[in-house]
PDB file of N, CA and C in Angstrom:
ATOM      1  N   MET A   1       0.849  -1.173  -0.121  1.00  0.00           N
ATOM      2  CA  MET A   1       0.064   0.015   0.018  1.00  0.00           C
ATOM      3  C   MET A   1       0.953   1.218  -0.002  1.00  0.00           C
ATOM      4  N   GLN A   2       0.541   2.110  -0.999  1.00  0.00           N
ATOM      5  CA  GLN A   2       1.351   3.455  -1.060  1.00  0.00           C
ATOM      6  C   GLN A   2       0.886   4.444   0.051  1.00  0.00           C
ATOM      7  N   LYS A   3       1.916   5.207   0.516  1.00  0.00           N
ATOM      8  CA  LYS A   3       1.602   6.286   1.397  1.00  0.00           C
ATOM      9  C   LYS A   3       0.589   7.281   0.950  1.00  0.00           C
ATOM     10  N   ILE A   4       0.529   7.536  -0.321  1.00  0.00           N
ATOM     11  CA  ILE A   4      -0.303   8.527  -0.901  1.00  0.00           C
ATOM     12  C   ILE A   4      -1.702   8.046  -0.717  1.00  0.00           C
ATOM     13  N   GLU A   5      -2.072   6.723  -0.724  1.00  0.00           N
ATOM     14  CA  GLU A   5      -3.311   6.135  -0.500  1.00  0.00           C
ATOM     15  C   GLU A   5      -3.802   6.529   0.935  1.00  0.00           C
ATOM     16  N   TYR A   6      -2.993   6.402   1.831  1.00  0.00           N
ATOM     17  CA  TYR A   6      -3.321   6.676   3.297  1.00  0.00           C
ATOM     18  C   TYR A   6      -3.627   8.192   3.547  1.00  0.00           C
ATOM     19  N   ILE A   7      -2.862   9.165   2.602  1.00  0.00           N
ATOM     20  CA  ILE A   7      -3.158  10.445   2.559  1.00  0.00           C
ATOM     21  C   ILE A   7      -4.520  10.761   2.111  1.00  0.00           C
ATOM     22  N   TYR A   8      -5.019  10.129   1.043  1.00  0.00           N
ATOM     23  CA  TYR A   8      -6.507  10.167   0.516  1.00  0.00           C
ATOM     24  C   TYR A   8      -7.322   9.669   1.632  1.00  0.00           C
ATOM     25  N   LEU A   9      -7.083   8.641   2.317  1.00  0.00           N
ATOM     26  CA  LEU A   9      -7.894   8.085   3.215  1.00  0.00           C
ATOM     27  C   LEU A   9      -8.026   9.142   4.309  1.00  0.00           C
ATOM     28  N   HIS A  10      -7.098   9.635   4.817  1.00  0.00           N
ATOM     29  CA  HIS A  10      -7.106  10.551   5.960  1.00  0.00           C
ATOM     30  C   HIS A  10      -7.660  12.138   5.438  1.00  0.00           C
ATOM     31  N   ALA A  11      -7.407  12.347   4.173  1.00  0.00           N
ATOM     32  CA  ALA A  11      -8.335  13.549   3.638  1.00  0.00           C
ATOM     33  C   ALA A  11      -9.803  13.477   3.638  1.00  0.00           C
ATOM     34  N   TYR A  12     -10.190  12.090   3.349  1.00  0.00           N
ATOM     35  CA  TYR A  12     -11.491  11.788   3.337  1.00  0.00           C
ATOM     36  C   TYR A  12     -12.030  12.072   4.865  1.00  0.00           C
ATOM     37  N   PHE A  13     -11.310  11.483   5.816  1.00  0.00           N
ATOM     38  CA  PHE A  13     -11.734  11.530   7.309  1.00  0.00           C
ATOM     39  C   PHE A  13     -11.897  13.017   7.682  1.00  0.00           C
ATOM     40  N   ALA A  14     -10.981  13.813   7.191  1.00  0.00           N
ATOM     41  CA  ALA A  14     -10.771  15.213   7.485  1.00  0.00           C
ATOM     42  C   ALA A  14     -12.069  16.024   7.020  1.00  0.00           C
ATOM     43  N   LEU A  15     -12.472  15.529   5.721  1.00  0.00           N
ATOM     44  CA  LEU A  15     -13.687  16.236   5.085  1.00  0.00           C
ATOM     45  C   LEU A  15     -14.903  15.702   5.816  1.00  0.00           C
ATOM     46  N   PHE A  16     -15.064  14.447   6.111  1.00  0.00           N
ATOM     47  CA  PHE A  16     -16.036  13.903   6.876  1.00  0.00           C
ATOM     48  C   PHE A  16     -16.283  14.664   8.046  1.00  0.00           C
ATOM     49  N   SER A  17     -15.160  14.880   8.783  1.00  0.00           N
ATOM     50  CA  SER A  17     -15.052  15.549  10.177  1.00  0.00           C
ATOM     51  C   SER A  17     -15.923  16.961   9.989  1.00  0.00           C
ATOM     52  N   ILE A  18     -15.768  17.548   8.937  1.00  0.00           N
ATOM     53  CA  ILE A  18     -16.079  18.949   8.852  1.00  0.00           C
ATOM     54  C   ILE A  18     -17.703  19.075   8.889  1.00  0.00           C
ATOM     55  N   THR A  19     -18.403  17.891   8.710  1.00  0.00           N
ATOM     56  CA  THR A  19     -19.829  17.955   9.040  1.00  0.00           C
ATOM     57  C   THR A  19     -20.172  18.206  10.322  1.00  0.00           C
ATOM     58  N   ALA A  20     -19.334  17.709  11.214  1.00  0.00           N
ATOM     59  CA  ALA A  20     -19.608  17.911  12.829  1.00  0.00           C
ATOM     60  C   ALA A  20     -19.560  19.484  12.962  1.00  0.00           C
ATOM     61  N   LEU A  21     -18.543  20.177  12.258  1.00  0.00           N
ATOM     62  CA  LEU A  21     -18.149  21.550  12.590  1.00  0.00           C
ATOM     63  C   LEU A  21     -19.448  22.315  12.088  1.00  0.00           C
ATOM     64  N   ILE A  22     -20.012  21.989  10.925  1.00  0.00           N
ATOM     65  CA  ILE A  22     -20.992  22.758  10.244  1.00  0.00           C
ATOM     66  C   ILE A  22     -22.264  22.497  11.037  1.00  0.00           C
ATOM     67  N   SER A  23     -22.481  21.239  11.598  1.00  0.00           N
ATOM     68  CA  SER A  23     -23.664  20.856  12.408  1.00  0.00           C
ATOM     69  C   SER A  23     -23.638  21.667  13.460  1.00  0.00           C
ATOM     70  N   LYS A  24     -22.549  21.896  14.297  1.00  0.00           N
ATOM     71  CA  LYS A  24     -22.410  22.587  15.497  1.00  0.00           C
ATOM     72  C   LYS A  24     -22.809  24.146  15.234  1.00  0.00           C
ATOM     73  N   HIS A  25     -22.346  24.583  14.094  1.00  0.00           N
ATOM     74  CA  HIS A  25     -22.604  26.023  13.800  1.00  0.00           C
ATOM     75  C   HIS A  25     -24.120  26.148  13.542  1.00  0.00           C
ATOM     76  N   ALA A  26     -24.616  25.166  12.747  1.00  0.00           N
ATOM     77  CA  ALA A  26     -26.112  25.364  12.369  1.00  0.00           C
ATOM     78  C   ALA A  26     -26.929  25.361  13.549  1.00  0.00           C
ATOM     79  N   ALA A  27     -26.513  24.566  14.630  1.00  0.00           N
ATOM     80  CA  ALA A  27     -27.281  24.443  15.751  1.00  0.00           C
ATOM     81  C   ALA A  27     -27.546  25.772  16.737  1.00  0.00           C
ATOM     82  N   SER A  28     -26.575  26.711  16.390  1.00  0.00           N
ATOM     83  CA  SER A  28     -26.677  28.092  17.007  1.00  0.00           C
ATOM     84  C   SER A  28     -27.827  28.892  16.190  1.00  0.00           C
ATOM     85  N   PHE A  29     -28.388  28.402  15.220  1.00  0.00           N
ATOM     86  CA  PHE A  29     -29.601  28.953  14.613  1.00  0.00           C
ATOM     87  C   PHE A  29     -30.984  28.337  14.981  1.00  0.00           C
ATOM     88  N   LYS A  30     -32.041  29.006  14.947  1.00  0.00           N
ATOM     89  CA  LYS A  30     -33.317  28.477  15.219  1.00  0.00           C
ATOM     90  C   LYS A  30     -33.831  27.701  14.018  1.00  0.00           C
ATOM     91  N   PHE A  31     -34.528  26.575  14.219  1.00  0.00           N
ATOM     92  CA  PHE A  31     -35.066  25.563  13.389  1.00  0.00           C
ATOM     93  C   PHE A  31     -35.560  26.261  11.891  1.00  0.00           C
ATOM     94  N   ASN A  32     -36.212  27.248  12.379  1.00  0.00           N
ATOM     95  CA  ASN A  32     -37.009  27.921  10.888  1.00  0.00           C
ATOM     96  C   ASN A  32     -36.091  29.050  10.311  1.00  0.00           C
ATOM     97  N   ASP A  33     -34.786  29.126  10.869  1.00  0.00           N
ATOM     98  CA  ASP A  33     -34.001  30.251  10.240  1.00  0.00           C
ATOM     99  C   ASP A  33     -33.484  29.629   8.804  1.00  0.00           C
ATOM    100  N   ILE A  34     -33.217  30.445   7.728  1.00  0.00           N
ATOM    101  CA  ILE A  34     -32.727  30.130   6.706  1.00  0.00           C
ATOM    102  C   ILE A  34     -31.266  29.587   6.702  1.00  0.00           C
ATOM    103  N   GLU A  35     -30.459  30.328   7.534  1.00  0.00           N
ATOM    104  CA  GLU A  35     -29.144  29.840   7.712  1.00  0.00           C
ATOM    105  C   GLU A  35     -29.017  28.283   8.341  1.00  0.00           C
ATOM    106  N   PHE A  36     -29.929  27.890   9.087  1.00  0.00           N
ATOM    107  CA  PHE A  36     -30.094  26.709   9.792  1.00  0.00           C
ATOM    108  C   PHE A  36     -30.157  25.595   8.422  1.00  0.00           C
ATOM    109  N   TRP A  37     -31.150  25.815   7.673  1.00  0.00           N
ATOM    110  CA  TRP A  37     -31.503  24.941   6.480  1.00  0.00           C
ATOM    111  C   TRP A  37     -30.286  24.988   5.527  1.00  0.00           C
ATOM    112  N   LEU A  38     -29.718  26.199   5.365  1.00  0.00           N
ATOM    113  CA  LEU A  38     -28.584  26.170   4.276  1.00  0.00           C
ATOM    114  C   LEU A  38     -27.346  25.400   4.675  1.00  0.00           C
ATOM    115  N   LEU A  39     -27.022  25.538   6.196  1.00  0.00           N
ATOM    116  CA  LEU A  39     -25.866  24.745   6.531  1.00  0.00           C
ATOM    117  C   LEU A  39     -26.037  23.230   6.653  1.00  0.00           C
ATOM    118  N   TYR A  40     -27.426  22.792   7.035  1.00  0.00           N
ATOM    119  CA  TYR A  40     -27.658  21.404   6.891  1.00  0.00           C
ATOM    120  C   TYR A  40     -27.687  20.873   5.509  1.00  0.00           C
ATOM    121  N   GLY A  41     -28.078  21.822   4.387  1.00  0.00           N
ATOM    122  CA  GLY A  41     -28.035  21.451   3.097  1.00  0.00           C
ATOM    123  C   GLY A  41     -26.588  21.231   2.714  1.00  0.00           C
ATOM    124  N   ILE A  42     -25.637  22.078   3.244  1.00  0.00           N
ATOM    125  CA  ILE A  42     -24.159  21.993   3.065  1.00  0.00           C
ATOM    126  C   ILE A  42     -23.803  20.471   3.608  1.00  0.00           C
ATOM    127  N   VAL A  43     -24.198  20.278   4.795  1.00  0.00           N
ATOM    128  CA  VAL A  43     -23.850  19.014   5.401  1.00  0.00           C
ATOM    129  C   VAL A  43     -24.117  17.952   4.415  1.00  0.00           C
ATOM    130  N   ILE A  44     -25.510  17.811   3.998  1.00  0.00           N
ATOM    131  CA  ILE A  44     -25.895  16.790   3.290  1.00  0.00           C
ATOM    132  C   ILE A  44     -25.138  16.642   1.986  1.00  0.00           C
ATOM    133  N   LEU A  45     -24.909  17.766   1.321  1.00  0.00           N
ATOM    134  CA  LEU A  45     -23.957  17.808   0.153  1.00  0.00           C
ATOM    135  C   LEU A  45     -22.546  16.982   0.490  1.00  0.00           C
ATOM    136  N   ILE A  46     -21.979  17.539   1.554  1.00  0.00           N
ATOM    137  CA  ILE A  46     -20.717  16.955   1.962  1.00  0.00           C
ATOM    138  C   ILE A  46     -20.768  15.420   2.157  1.00  0.00           C
ATOM    139  N   LEU A  47     -21.790  15.011   2.985  1.00  0.00           N
ATOM    140  CA  LEU A  47     -21.935  13.729   3.245  1.00  0.00           C
ATOM    141  C   LEU A  47     -22.247  12.904   1.864  1.00  0.00           C
ATOM    142  N   GLY A  48     -22.914  13.384   0.903  1.00  0.00           N
ATOM    143  CA  GLY A  48     -23.027  12.625  -0.432  1.00  0.00           C
ATOM    144  C   GLY A  48     -21.767  12.583  -1.073  1.00  0.00           C
ATOM    145  N   MET A  49     -20.878  13.651  -0.974  1.00  0.00           N
ATOM    146  CA  MET A  49     -19.436  13.507  -1.528  1.00  0.00           C
ATOM    147  C   MET A  49     -18.780  12.469  -0.717  1.00  0.00           C
ATOM    148  N   CYS A  50     -18.770  12.500   0.490  1.00  0.00           N
ATOM    149  CA  CYS A  50     -18.195  11.454   1.289  1.00  0.00           C
ATOM    150  C   CYS A  50     -18.522  10.122   0.876  1.00  0.00           C
ATOM    151  N   ALA A  51     -19.738   9.800   0.694  1.00  0.00           N
ATOM    152  CA  ALA A  51     -20.338   8.423   0.352  1.00  0.00           C
ATOM    153  C   ALA A  51     -19.623   8.125  -0.888  1.00  0.00           C
ATOM    154  N   PHE A  52     -19.384   8.969  -1.778  1.00  0.00           N
ATOM    155  CA  PHE A  52     -18.934   8.687  -3.172  1.00  0.00           C
ATOM    156  C   PHE A  52     -17.299   8.304  -2.966  1.00  0.00           C
ATOM    157  N   PHE A  53     -16.720   9.131  -2.113  1.00  0.00           N
ATOM    158  CA  PHE A  53     -15.221   8.973  -1.958  1.00  0.00           C
ATOM    159  C   PHE A  53     -14.925   7.689  -1.166  1.00  0.00           C
ATOM    160  N   TRP A  54     -15.775   7.302  -0.304  1.00  0.00           N
ATOM    161  CA  TRP A  54     -15.674   6.201   0.582  1.00  0.00           C
ATOM    162  C   TRP A  54     -15.832   4.995  -0.211  1.00  0.00           C
ATOM    163  N   GLN A  55     -16.690   4.924  -1.193  1.00  0.00           N
ATOM    164  CA  GLN A  55     -16.607   3.744  -2.136  1.00  0.00           C
ATOM    165  C   GLN A  55     -15.387   3.634  -2.927  1.00  0.00           C
ATOM    166  N   LYS A  56     -14.899   4.722  -3.389  1.00  0.00           N
ATOM    167  CA  LYS A  56     -13.674   4.711  -4.108  1.00  0.00           C
ATOM    168  C   LYS A  56     -12.606   4.145  -3.253  1.00  0.00           C
ATOM    169  N   LEU A  57     -12.471   4.863  -1.944  1.00  0.00           N
ATOM    170  CA  LEU A  57     -11.373   4.209  -1.022  1.00  0.00           C
ATOM    171  C   LEU A  57     -11.513   2.728  -0.797  1.00  0.00           C
ATOM    172  N   LEU A  58     -12.781   2.236  -0.682  1.00  0.00           N
ATOM    173  CA  LEU A  58     -12.877   0.850  -0.259  1.00  0.00           C
ATOM    174  C   LEU A  58     -12.260  -0.028  -1.443  1.00  0.00           C
ATOM    175  N   ASN A  59     -12.076   0.405  -2.655  1.00  0.00           N
ATOM    176  CA  ASN A  59     -11.496  -0.263  -3.676  1.00  0.00           C
ATOM    177  C   ASN A  59      -9.972  -0.441  -3.582  1.00  0.00           C
ATOM    178  N   ARG A  60      -9.383   0.668  -2.912  1.00  0.00           N
ATOM    179  CA  ARG A  60      -7.901   0.713  -2.508  1.00  0.00           C
ATOM    180  C   ARG A  60      -7.480  -0.059  -1.433  1.00  0.00           C
ATOM    181  N   PHE A  61      -8.432  -0.200  -0.438  1.00  0.00           N
ATOM    182  CA  PHE A  61      -7.933  -0.633   0.900  1.00  0.00           C
ATOM    183  C   PHE A  61      -8.730  -1.926   1.145  1.00  0.00           C
ATOM    184  N   PRO A  62      -8.092  -2.807   1.974  1.00  0.00           N
ATOM    185  CA  PRO A  62      -8.928  -3.938   2.607  1.00  0.00           C
ATOM    186  C   PRO A  62      -9.767  -3.474   3.450  1.00  0.00           C
ATOM    187  N   LEU A  63     -11.008  -4.044   3.530  1.00  0.00           N
ATOM    188  CA  LEU A  63     -12.108  -3.522   4.512  1.00  0.00           C
ATOM    189  C   LEU A  63     -11.626  -3.390   5.886  1.00  0.00           C
ATOM    190  N   SER A  64     -10.756  -4.234   6.401  1.00  0.00           N
ATOM    191  CA  SER A  64     -10.400  -4.099   7.774  1.00  0.00           C
ATOM    192  C   SER A  64      -9.579  -2.925   7.932  1.00  0.00           C
ATOM    193  N   VAL A  65      -8.784  -2.600   7.040  1.00  0.00           N
ATOM    194  CA  VAL A  65      -7.779  -1.453   7.142  1.00  0.00           C
ATOM    195  C   VAL A  65      -8.721  -0.178   7.128  1.00  0.00           C
ATOM    196  N   ALA A  66      -9.482  -0.109   6.120  1.00  0.00           N
ATOM    197  CA  ALA A  66     -10.176   1.114   6.060  1.00  0.00           C
ATOM    198  C   ALA A  66     -11.183   1.408   7.232  1.00  0.00           C
ATOM    199  N   TYR A  67     -11.838   0.430   7.610  1.00  0.00           N
ATOM    200  CA  TYR A  67     -12.725   0.618   8.829  1.00  0.00           C
ATOM    201  C   TYR A  67     -11.954   0.751  10.168  1.00  0.00           C
ATOM    202  N   SER A  68     -10.744   0.167  10.167  1.00  0.00           N
ATOM    203  CA  SER A  68     -10.025   0.471  11.638  1.00  0.00           C
ATOM    204  C   SER A  68      -9.500   1.806  11.559  1.00  0.00           C
ATOM    205  N   ASN A  69      -9.430   2.388  10.502  1.00  0.00           N
ATOM    206  CA  ASN A  69      -8.833   3.888  10.394  1.00  0.00           C
ATOM    207  C   ASN A  69      -9.931   4.763  10.652  1.00  0.00           C
ATOM    208  N   ARG A  70     -11.167   4.521  10.471  1.00  0.00           N
ATOM    209  CA  ARG A  70     -12.221   5.621  10.879  1.00  0.00           C
ATOM    210  C   ARG A  70     -12.195   6.045  12.190  1.00  0.00           C
ATOM    211  N   PRO A  71     -11.909   5.682  13.357  1.00  0.00           N
ATOM    212  CA  PRO A  71     -11.839   6.478  14.567  1.00  0.00           C
ATOM    213  C   PRO A  71     -10.921   7.643  14.474  1.00  0.00           C
ATOM    214  N   ILE A  72     -10.015   7.818  13.446  1.00  0.00           N
ATOM    215  CA  ILE A  72      -9.195   8.984  13.359  1.00  0.00           C
ATOM    216  C   ILE A  72     -10.196  10.228  13.233  1.00  0.00           C
ATOM    217  N   ILE A  73     -11.420  10.067  12.872  1.00  0.00           N
ATOM    218  CA  ILE A  73     -12.230  11.116  12.613  1.00  0.00           C
ATOM    219  C   ILE A  73     -12.496  12.035  14.131  1.00  0.00           C
ATOM    220  N   PHE A  74     -12.197  11.216  15.187  1.00  0.00           N
ATOM    221  CA  PHE A  74     -12.174  11.868  16.510  1.00  0.00           C
ATOM    222  C   PHE A  74     -11.088  12.807  16.497  1.00  0.00           C
ATOM    223  N   PHE A  75     -10.021  12.522  16.115  1.00  0.00           N
ATOM    224  CA  PHE A  75      -8.833  13.361  16.044  1.00  0.00           C
ATOM    225  C   PHE A  75      -9.096  14.550  15.375  1.00  0.00           C
ATOM    226  N   TRP A  76      -9.866  14.358  14.064  1.00  0.00           N
ATOM    227  CA  TRP A  76     -10.035  15.799  13.310  1.00  0.00           C
ATOM    228  C   TRP A  76     -11.046  16.612  14.027  1.00  0.00           C
ATOM    229  N   VAL A  77     -12.165  15.902  14.573  1.00  0.00           N
ATOM    230  CA  VAL A  77     -13.159  16.752  15.260  1.00  0.00           C
ATOM    231  C   VAL A  77     -12.477  17.577  16.311  1.00  0.00           C
ATOM    232  N   MET A  78     -11.696  16.736  17.324  1.00  0.00           N
ATOM    233  CA  MET A  78     -10.900  17.441  18.408  1.00  0.00           C
ATOM    234  C   MET A  78     -10.071  18.504  18.042  1.00  0.00           C
ATOM    235  N   LEU A  79      -9.498  18.403  16.847  1.00  0.00           N
ATOM    236  CA  LEU A  79      -8.418  19.319  16.323  1.00  0.00           C
ATOM    237  C   LEU A  79      -9.413  20.648  15.894  1.00  0.00           C
ATOM    238  N   TRP A  80     -10.451  20.336  15.031  1.00  0.00           N
ATOM    239  CA  TRP A  80     -11.278  21.558  14.654  1.00  0.00           C
ATOM    240  C   TRP A  80     -11.855  22.242  15.913  1.00  0.00           C
ATOM    241  N   ALA A  81     -12.394  21.518  16.957  1.00  0.00           N
ATOM    242  CA  ALA A  81     -12.950  22.068  18.119  1.00  0.00           C
ATOM    243  C   ALA A  81     -11.945  22.874  18.768  1.00  0.00           C
ATOM    244  N   LEU A  82     -10.601  22.523  18.851  1.00  0.00           N
ATOM    245  CA  LEU A  82      -9.754  23.340  19.370  1.00  0.00           C
ATOM    246  C   LEU A  82      -9.364  24.614  18.566  1.00  0.00           C
ATOM    247  N   LEU A  83      -9.298  24.380  17.375  1.00  0.00           N
ATOM    248  CA  LEU A  83      -8.682  25.563  16.575  1.00  0.00           C
ATOM    249  C   LEU A  83      -9.891  26.544  16.170  1.00  0.00           C
ATOM    250  N   ILE A  84     -11.122  26.006  15.878  1.00  0.00           N
ATOM    251  CA  ILE A  84     -12.251  27.054  15.426  1.00  0.00           C
ATOM    252  C   ILE A  84     -13.058  27.339  16.622  1.00  0.00           C
ATOM    253  N   PHE A  85     -13.390  26.445  17.632  1.00  0.00           N
ATOM    254  CA  PHE A  85     -14.378  26.782  18.645  1.00  0.00           C
ATOM    255  C   PHE A  85     -13.566  27.047  19.897  1.00  0.00           C
ATOM    256  N   GLU A  86     -12.262  27.055  19.940  1.00  0.00           N
ATOM    257  CA  GLU A  86     -11.387  27.168  21.105  1.00  0.00           C
ATOM    258  C   GLU A  86     -11.826  26.493  22.262  1.00  0.00           C
ATOM    259  N   GLU A  87     -12.325  25.162  22.045  1.00  0.00           N
ATOM    260  CA  GLU A  87     -12.604  24.237  23.039  1.00  0.00           C
ATOM    261  C   GLU A  87     -11.359  23.915  23.952  1.00  0.00           C
ATOM    262  N   THR A  88     -11.543  23.291  25.083  1.00  0.00           N
ATOM    263  CA  THR A  88     -10.265  22.915  25.771  1.00  0.00           C
ATOM    264  C   THR A  88     -10.137  21.364  25.510  1.00  0.00           C
ATOM    265  N   ILE A  89      -8.863  20.959  25.415  1.00  0.00           N
ATOM    266  CA  ILE A  89      -8.672  19.433  25.204  1.00  0.00           C
ATOM    267  C   ILE A  89      -8.022  19.042  26.538  1.00  0.00           C
ATOM    268  N   THR A  90      -8.714  18.072  26.937  1.00  0.00           N
ATOM    269  CA  THR A  90      -8.041  17.567  28.365  1.00  0.00           C
ATOM    270  C   THR A  90      -7.174  16.345  28.127  1.00  0.00           C
ATOM    271  N   LEU A  91      -6.630  16.124  29.424  1.00  0.00           N
ATOM    272  CA  LEU A  91      -5.735  14.841  29.361  1.00  0.00           C
ATOM    273  C   LEU A  91      -6.302  13.527  29.023  1.00  0.00           C
ATOM    274  N   GLN A  92      -7.699  13.443  29.366  1.00  0.00           N
ATOM    275  CA  GLN A  92      -8.551  12.316  28.962  1.00  0.00           C
ATOM    276  C   GLN A  92      -8.654  12.339  27.604  1.00  0.00           C
ATOM    277  N   ASN A  93      -8.718  13.478  26.942  1.00  0.00           N
ATOM    278  CA  ASN A  93      -9.046  13.431  25.344  1.00  0.00           C
ATOM    279  C   ASN A  93      -7.814  13.052  24.889  1.00  0.00           C
ATOM    280  N   ILE A  94      -6.632  13.560  25.207  1.00  0.00           N
ATOM    281  CA  ILE A  94      -5.389  13.145  24.593  1.00  0.00           C
ATOM    282  C   ILE A  94      -5.081  11.702  24.870  1.00  0.00           C
ATOM    283  N   ALA A  95      -5.406  11.134  25.988  1.00  0.00           N
ATOM    284  CA  ALA A  95      -5.174   9.816  26.316  1.00  0.00           C
ATOM    285  C   ALA A  95      -6.001   8.845  25.535  1.00  0.00           C
ATOM    286  N   GLY A  96      -7.180   9.263  25.351  1.00  0.00           N
ATOM    287  CA  GLY A  96      -8.105   8.537  24.419  1.00  0.00           C
ATOM    288  C   GLY A  96      -7.616   8.582  22.909  1.00  0.00           C
ATOM    289  N   MET A  97      -7.337   9.804  22.524  1.00  0.00           N
ATOM    290  CA  MET A  97      -6.657   9.796  21.124  1.00  0.00           C
ATOM    291  C   MET A  97      -5.354   8.838  20.996  1.00  0.00           C
ATOM    292  N   ALA A  98      -4.785   8.834  22.080  1.00  0.00           N
ATOM    293  CA  ALA A  98      -3.429   7.950  21.925  1.00  0.00           C
ATOM    294  C   ALA A  98      -3.779   6.523  21.826  1.00  0.00           C
ATOM    295  N   VAL A  99      -4.797   5.976  22.492  1.00  0.00           N
ATOM    296  CA  VAL A  99      -5.246   4.884  22.438  1.00  0.00           C
ATOM    297  C   VAL A  99      -5.713   4.520  20.992  1.00  0.00           C
ATOM    298  N   ILE A 100      -6.697   5.379  20.477  1.00  0.00           N
ATOM    299  CA  ILE A 100      -7.129   5.162  18.988  1.00  0.00           C
ATOM    300  C   ILE A 100      -5.912   5.120  18.054  1.00  0.00           C
ATOM    301  N   ILE A 101      -5.064   5.938  18.146  1.00  0.00           N
ATOM    302  CA  ILE A 101      -3.952   5.896  17.185  1.00  0.00           C
ATOM    303  C   ILE A 101      -3.046   4.787  17.312  1.00  0.00           C
ATOM    304  N   TYR A 102      -2.875   4.184  18.632  1.00  0.00           N
ATOM    305  CA  TYR A 102      -2.071   3.013  18.741  1.00  0.00           C
ATOM    306  C   TYR A 102      -2.882   1.870  18.026  1.00  0.00           C
ATOM    307  N   GLY A 103      -4.223   1.857  18.279  1.00  0.00           N
ATOM    308  CA  GLY A 103      -5.050   0.635  17.730  1.00  0.00           C
ATOM    309  C   GLY A 103      -5.136   0.878  16.256  1.00  0.00           C
ATOM    310  N   ILE A 104      -5.138   2.004  15.642  1.00  0.00           N
ATOM    311  CA  ILE A 104      -4.859   2.114  14.181  1.00  0.00           C
ATOM    312  C   ILE A 104      -3.671   1.589  13.648  1.00  0.00           C
ATOM    313  N   THR A 105      -2.529   2.109  14.442  1.00  0.00           N
ATOM    314  CA  THR A 105      -1.081   1.653  13.963  1.00  0.00           C
ATOM    315  C   THR A 105      -1.118   0.187  14.025  1.00  0.00           C
ATOM    316  N   TRP A 106      -1.423  -0.464  15.098  1.00  0.00           N
ATOM    317  CA  TRP A 106      -1.464  -1.862  15.307  1.00  0.00           C
ATOM    318  C   TRP A 106      -2.131  -2.698  14.404  1.00  0.00           C
ATOM    319  N   MET A 107      -3.382  -2.164  13.931  1.00  0.00           N
ATOM    320  CA  MET A 107      -4.146  -2.785  12.933  1.00  0.00           C
ATOM    321  C   MET A 107      -3.470  -2.612  11.501  1.00  0.00           C
ATOM    322  N   VAL A 108      -3.116  -1.518  11.157  1.00  0.00           N
ATOM    323  CA  VAL A 108      -2.512  -1.437   9.941  1.00  0.00           C
ATOM    324  C   VAL A 108      -1.143  -2.269   9.520  1.00  0.00           C
ATOM    325  N   LYS A 109      -0.464  -2.450  10.669  1.00  0.00           N
ATOM    326  CA  LYS A 109       0.814  -3.089  10.639  1.00  0.00           C
ATOM    327  C   LYS A 109       0.676  -4.562  10.419  1.00  0.00           C
ATOM    328  N   LYS A 110      -0.639  -5.190  10.720  1.00  0.00           N
ATOM    329  CA  LYS A 110      -0.827  -6.526  10.904  1.00  0.00           C
ATOM    330  C   LYS A 110      -0.758  -7.174   9.564  1.00  0.00           C
TER     331      LYS A 110
END
């Protein structure tokens, strides 16, 4: 497996994680606001793109490798929460992320 394919896989996860950001921002609007519906429309568009890219990625990776890498989405969401929403990252968050990264590394090396 070439490293560029893993870059594609993790770029997909980063794109997928953006839907959580947009959803959080949309939640700040009322249900009947146009901004709410526009943001959720963007989420649906991104999720559609993600579904397409996921199918393409499954052709390049064994299913066990592709799915074992999915928890890295938590890393991306935590990074966006820190950078965009200025949320606090706790020691528990970091420890949890270390366990996830170790598990992914262990699974990919098998």
